[in-house]
Structures are given as C-alpha cells and as structure tokens.
Amino acid sequence: MIFVNFKLYEKTFGEYSLELAGICFSVSKETGIRVVPIVSDFFAMEVYKRYGQKPWIGHVDMYDKGKKTGFVSPVLANKINVGGSLLNHSEHPVKIGTVANTLAIMPSGFEGLVCSKSLGQTENILKKMKPNYLAYEPPYLISSKTASIATDRIEVFEKIVELCKKKGVVPLAGAGVKTKSDVVAVLKAGGKGVLVSSQVVESDNPRAVLLDLADGFGYNT
C-alpha cells in the first residue's frame, strides 16, 4: 500500500489536488496496490463526490462533538466520507496520550495511521494503543533527496516491524522513500507499505512515480 501525503504544497491549492487524487485511485485500480491520497480537509468532500472513493486527511483531533472551535472531529470526517487520518506526523506532532484518546473516539471503519520518529517512541505508542497502521519516519530523512529509510535506518525499521507484528499493527515506512528500490527494501524488512509525499506531489509526472513505486510491490512481475 502507498499513502500519498499532499501536505500543503502549493500545487495542491486547487484543481490539481482533485486530479492528483484521481491519479492515485487510477494507479491503485491498474496495479492492484492500494494507493491512498491524504488530501487537505478543504478538498476531501469534492474528492469523494468526483471519484466515489474515500480520501484521507492529514490530522484529526481527540474531540467528537461539542464546544470545540477549530478542531477536526474524526466523527464528522467519517460522516463526509473521509476514510482515515494521519496522527502525530513530525510536522504535526501531538502528545502520545492525545493520540490514544483520538484513536479511542474514531468511529468504526475510520482508520488511523500513527507516525513514529524513533524506536523508543514506537515502543511507547504500542504500549498504549493499537492503531491500524504505524509509519516509521525519522524526521531528518523526510524530503531527503539523497537518503531514505531504506539506506539509513532499515535495521531500526526491522525492529519496529517485529513490535508491530506482536501487536497486530500494520508497519509502514516513510522518510525519503522515493523509488522502487526503496519500496523493495521496506518490504524485505517486513513492512507492508510506504508513506510518501513530495516525490509524488511535486513531480511533473506523478503517475509515473506512483507506477514505479507500485512496481516495487511486484505487481508487474
């Protein structure tokens, strides 16, 4: 599986956001590899209306309803056909207790992907909660043009994979993942997918990049 984080890249401030989500869904259909666009809250409803498939968003809060101005409710997100959310991304970190409280109020069918920056943080997360997915992303490797988790931290990821297996959580890897070879290394280490961003979102040919990443899963062999 491939999760594509749109972030707030300026290219996604309009029609391109909808087009890129469509490319994600199209590549998923073509390859059989799940590709999930993680879009801005502002475009989530339109993505579902256009394609009939649920996008994700980049963050939700630990409140379902009530007097909570400015917060994002996972319950409301679920009602407008958002399929899930990132939590604790390095660009939007929250306390681990807050992550646990947020997961606890997520409605059935709404998935959570918790990001972790280290082995120690992963251990702490998995002691307190059971997210659907956990993505290991060392912050210094995020958006790296020269390195990735496949080259710099794969041995740590292998330990995280074992922790996830014991808890029944799906392990993913991010941080610099940008090519088929990175995906292959993640899968060989026991991972089940990747979390990517700029290499797809800012590419002149995001479809080609996604097809290359999908090829790492062996769909074309």
Protein backbone atom coordinates (compact mmCIF):
# COMPACT_ATOMS: atom_id res chain seq x y z
CA MET A 1 0.00 0.00 0.00
CA ILE A 2 1.10 3.54 -0.75
CA PHE A 3 -0.11 6.55 1.25
CA VAL A 4 0.43 9.87 -0.53
CA ASN A 5 0.54 12.87 1.79
CA PHE A 6 -0.46 16.04 -0.11
CA LYS A 7 0.61 18.28 2.82
CA LEU A 8 0.22 21.99 1.96
CA TYR A 9 2.25 22.01 -1.20
CA GLU A 10 1.07 24.95 -3.27
CA LYS A 11 0.47 22.76 -6.30
CA THR A 12 -2.45 21.19 -4.43
CA PHE A 13 -4.24 24.52 -3.84
CA GLY A 14 -6.87 23.91 -6.49
CA GLU A 15 -7.91 21.57 -9.28
CA TYR A 16 -4.57 19.76 -9.21
CA SER A 17 -5.45 18.35 -5.79
CA LEU A 18 -8.51 16.65 -7.29
CA GLU A 19 -6.57 15.49 -10.33
CA LEU A 20 -3.80 14.01 -8.20
CA ALA A 21 -6.31 12.15 -6.04
CA GLY A 22 -7.75 10.73 -9.25
CA ILE A 23 -4.29 9.60 -10.35
CA CYS A 24 -3.85 7.83 -7.02
CA PHE A 25 -7.13 5.97 -7.44
CA SER A 26 -6.36 5.17 -11.08
CA VAL A 27 -2.93 3.71 -10.31
CA SER A 28 -4.48 1.69 -7.50
CA LYS A 29 -7.04 0.19 -9.88
CA GLU A 30 -4.43 -0.52 -12.54
CA THR A 31 -1.87 -2.16 -10.28
CA GLY A 32 -3.96 -3.70 -7.52
CA ILE A 33 -1.83 -1.84 -4.98
CA ARG A 34 -3.81 0.28 -2.55
CA VAL A 35 -2.95 3.96 -3.09
CA VAL A 36 -4.46 6.40 -0.57
CA PRO A 37 -4.45 10.17 -1.22
CA ILE A 38 -4.15 12.17 2.00
CA VAL A 39 -5.68 15.49 1.00
CA SER A 40 -6.46 18.85 2.55
CA ASP A 41 -9.66 18.93 4.59
CA PHE A 42 -10.98 21.53 2.13
CA PHE A 43 -10.90 19.10 -0.79
CA ALA A 44 -11.95 15.85 0.89
CA MET A 45 -15.66 16.12 0.13
CA GLU A 46 -15.06 17.06 -3.50
CA VAL A 47 -12.65 14.15 -3.99
CA TYR A 48 -15.32 11.72 -2.80
CA LYS A 49 -18.01 13.37 -4.93
CA ARG A 50 -15.85 13.16 -8.05
CA TYR A 51 -14.46 9.65 -7.67
CA GLY A 52 -16.73 7.85 -5.22
CA GLN A 53 -13.70 6.75 -3.22
CA LYS A 54 -12.66 7.91 0.22
CA PRO A 55 -9.58 10.09 0.64
CA TRP A 56 -7.79 10.57 3.95
CA ILE A 57 -6.83 13.80 5.69
CA GLY A 58 -3.65 14.83 7.48
CA HIS A 59 -4.93 15.17 11.05
CA VAL A 60 -7.93 14.80 13.34
CA ASP A 61 -8.34 15.77 16.98
CA MET A 62 -9.49 13.90 20.05
CA TYR A 63 -12.94 15.50 20.14
CA ASP A 64 -16.05 14.07 18.50
CA LYS A 65 -18.52 16.97 19.00
CA GLY A 66 -19.45 19.91 21.20
CA LYS A 67 -17.85 23.24 22.09
CA LYS A 68 -14.50 22.65 20.38
CA THR A 69 -13.94 25.51 17.95
CA GLY A 70 -11.21 24.96 15.39
CA PHE A 71 -10.73 21.24 15.97
CA VAL A 72 -11.24 18.46 13.43
CA SER A 73 -13.63 15.74 14.52
CA PRO A 74 -12.97 12.19 13.26
CA VAL A 75 -16.68 11.51 13.66
CA LEU A 76 -17.58 14.39 11.36
CA ALA A 77 -14.81 13.42 8.94
CA ASN A 78 -16.26 9.93 8.77
CA LYS A 79 -19.72 11.34 8.00
CA ILE A 80 -18.40 13.20 4.94
CA ASN A 81 -16.73 10.05 3.59
CA VAL A 82 -13.17 10.57 4.75
CA GLY A 83 -11.62 7.14 5.22
CA GLY A 84 -8.95 7.88 7.81
CA SER A 85 -6.26 10.21 9.07
CA LEU A 86 -2.61 10.58 9.91
CA LEU A 87 -1.77 11.21 13.55
CA ASN A 88 1.44 12.52 15.10
CA HIS A 89 3.21 13.32 11.85
CA SER A 90 6.55 15.01 12.57
CA GLU A 91 5.14 18.22 11.07
CA HIS A 92 2.07 18.00 13.32
CA PRO A 93 3.23 16.23 16.50
CA VAL A 94 0.90 15.68 19.45
CA LYS A 95 1.30 14.05 22.83
CA ILE A 96 1.09 10.27 22.80
CA GLY A 97 -1.82 10.39 25.26
CA THR A 98 -3.66 12.65 22.84
CA VAL A 99 -3.08 10.15 20.04
CA ALA A 100 -4.54 7.38 22.20
CA ASN A 101 -7.58 9.50 23.07
CA THR A 102 -8.12 10.32 19.40
CA LEU A 103 -7.96 6.69 18.34
CA ALA A 104 -10.42 5.82 21.10
CA ILE A 105 -13.18 8.00 19.61
CA MET A 106 -12.67 7.06 15.97
CA PRO A 107 -15.86 5.54 14.55
CA SER A 108 -15.94 2.07 13.05
CA GLY A 109 -14.36 1.98 9.61
CA PHE A 110 -12.38 5.19 10.11
CA GLU A 111 -8.69 4.24 10.08
CA GLY A 112 -5.74 5.79 11.85
CA LEU A 113 -2.10 5.86 10.77
CA VAL A 114 0.20 6.91 13.60
CA CYS A 115 3.65 8.23 12.72
CA SER A 116 6.67 7.47 14.87
CA LYS A 117 10.08 9.11 14.76
CA SER A 118 12.08 6.53 16.72
CA LEU A 119 12.18 3.03 18.12
CA GLY A 120 11.58 4.36 21.63
CA GLN A 121 8.53 6.34 20.57
CA THR A 122 7.20 3.29 18.76
CA GLU A 123 7.51 1.20 21.91
CA ASN A 124 5.63 3.87 23.84
CA ILE A 125 2.88 4.10 21.22
CA LEU A 126 2.33 0.36 21.02
CA LYS A 127 2.19 0.00 24.80
CA LYS A 128 -0.75 2.42 24.95
CA MET A 129 -2.75 1.85 21.77
CA LYS A 130 -3.35 -0.24 18.68
CA PRO A 131 -3.63 1.92 15.55
CA ASN A 132 -4.45 0.37 12.20
CA TYR A 133 -1.06 1.40 10.85
CA LEU A 134 2.24 2.70 12.20
CA ALA A 135 4.67 4.54 9.93
CA TYR A 136 8.29 4.93 10.96
CA GLU A 137 9.63 8.28 9.75
CA PRO A 138 12.90 9.66 11.16
CA PRO A 139 12.37 13.43 10.76
CA TYR A 140 15.82 14.16 9.35
CA LEU A 141 15.14 11.86 6.39
CA ILE A 142 11.80 13.41 5.43
CA SER A 143 12.10 15.05 1.98
CA SER A 144 15.72 13.93 1.69
CA LYS A 145 16.95 13.88 -1.90
CA THR A 146 19.91 11.58 -1.21
CA ALA A 147 18.92 9.13 1.52
CA SER A 148 15.94 7.17 2.76
CA ILE A 149 14.94 4.81 5.50
CA ALA A 150 15.99 2.03 3.12
CA THR A 151 19.61 3.20 3.29
CA ASP A 152 19.97 4.84 6.70
CA ARG A 153 17.60 3.26 9.22
CA ILE A 154 16.47 -0.09 7.85
CA GLU A 155 17.81 -2.01 10.85
CA VAL A 156 15.70 0.12 13.19
CA PHE A 157 12.68 -0.43 10.98
CA GLU A 158 13.19 -4.20 11.19
CA LYS A 159 12.88 -3.95 14.98
CA ILE A 160 9.76 -1.81 14.62
CA VAL A 161 8.25 -4.41 12.28
CA GLU A 162 8.64 -7.06 14.98
CA LEU A 163 6.97 -4.83 17.57
CA CYS A 164 4.07 -4.16 15.20
CA LYS A 165 3.63 -7.84 14.44
CA LYS A 166 3.27 -8.64 18.14
CA LYS A 167 0.56 -6.01 18.49
CA GLY A 168 -1.25 -6.75 15.23
CA VAL A 169 -0.44 -3.35 13.72
CA VAL A 170 0.48 -2.90 10.05
CA PRO A 171 4.04 -1.50 9.75
CA LEU A 172 4.83 1.15 7.13
CA ALA A 173 7.90 3.22 6.36
CA GLY A 174 8.39 6.74 5.09
CA ALA A 175 11.07 9.42 5.23
CA GLY A 176 12.86 9.74 1.94
CA VAL A 177 11.18 6.77 0.25
CA LYS A 178 11.08 7.75 -3.40
CA THR A 179 11.89 4.80 -5.70
CA LYS A 180 11.05 1.19 -6.46
CA SER A 181 14.28 0.07 -4.76
CA ASP A 182 13.26 1.86 -1.55
CA VAL A 183 9.92 0.02 -1.60
CA VAL A 184 11.66 -3.31 -2.15
CA ALA A 185 13.95 -2.67 0.83
CA VAL A 186 10.96 -1.79 3.03
CA LEU A 187 9.12 -4.95 2.03
CA LYS A 188 12.19 -7.14 2.56
CA ALA A 189 12.43 -5.72 6.07
CA GLY A 190 8.86 -6.84 6.73
CA GLY A 191 7.00 -3.61 6.02
CA LYS A 192 3.65 -3.65 4.26
CA GLY A 193 3.72 -0.27 2.58
CA VAL A 194 5.11 3.25 2.39
CA LEU A 195 4.16 6.82 3.21
CA VAL A 196 5.37 9.28 0.58
CA SER A 197 4.86 12.94 -0.26
CA SER A 198 6.93 15.44 -2.26
CA GLN A 199 8.37 12.91 -4.70
CA VAL A 200 4.81 12.29 -5.92
CA VAL A 201 3.01 15.56 -5.18
CA GLU A 202 5.64 17.85 -6.72
CA SER A 203 6.57 15.58 -9.60
CA ASP A 204 5.89 16.64 -13.18
CA ASN A 205 4.66 13.09 -13.75
CA PRO A 206 3.14 11.75 -10.50
CA ARG A 207 1.55 8.83 -12.30
CA ALA A 208 4.97 7.58 -13.44
CA VAL A 209 6.37 7.94 -9.92
CA LEU A 210 3.46 6.01 -8.44
CA LEU A 211 3.78 3.27 -11.05
CA ASP A 212 7.48 2.95 -10.22
CA LEU A 213 6.70 2.68 -6.51
CA ALA A 214 3.93 0.16 -7.21
CA ASP A 215 6.36 -1.90 -9.26
CA GLY A 216 8.34 -2.38 -6.05
CA PHE A 217 5.44 -4.48 -4.77
CA GLY A 218 5.90 -6.83 -7.72
CA TYR A 219 2.58 -6.14 -9.41
CA ASN A 220 4.30 -6.21 -12.82
CA THR A 221 6.25 -9.44 -12.33
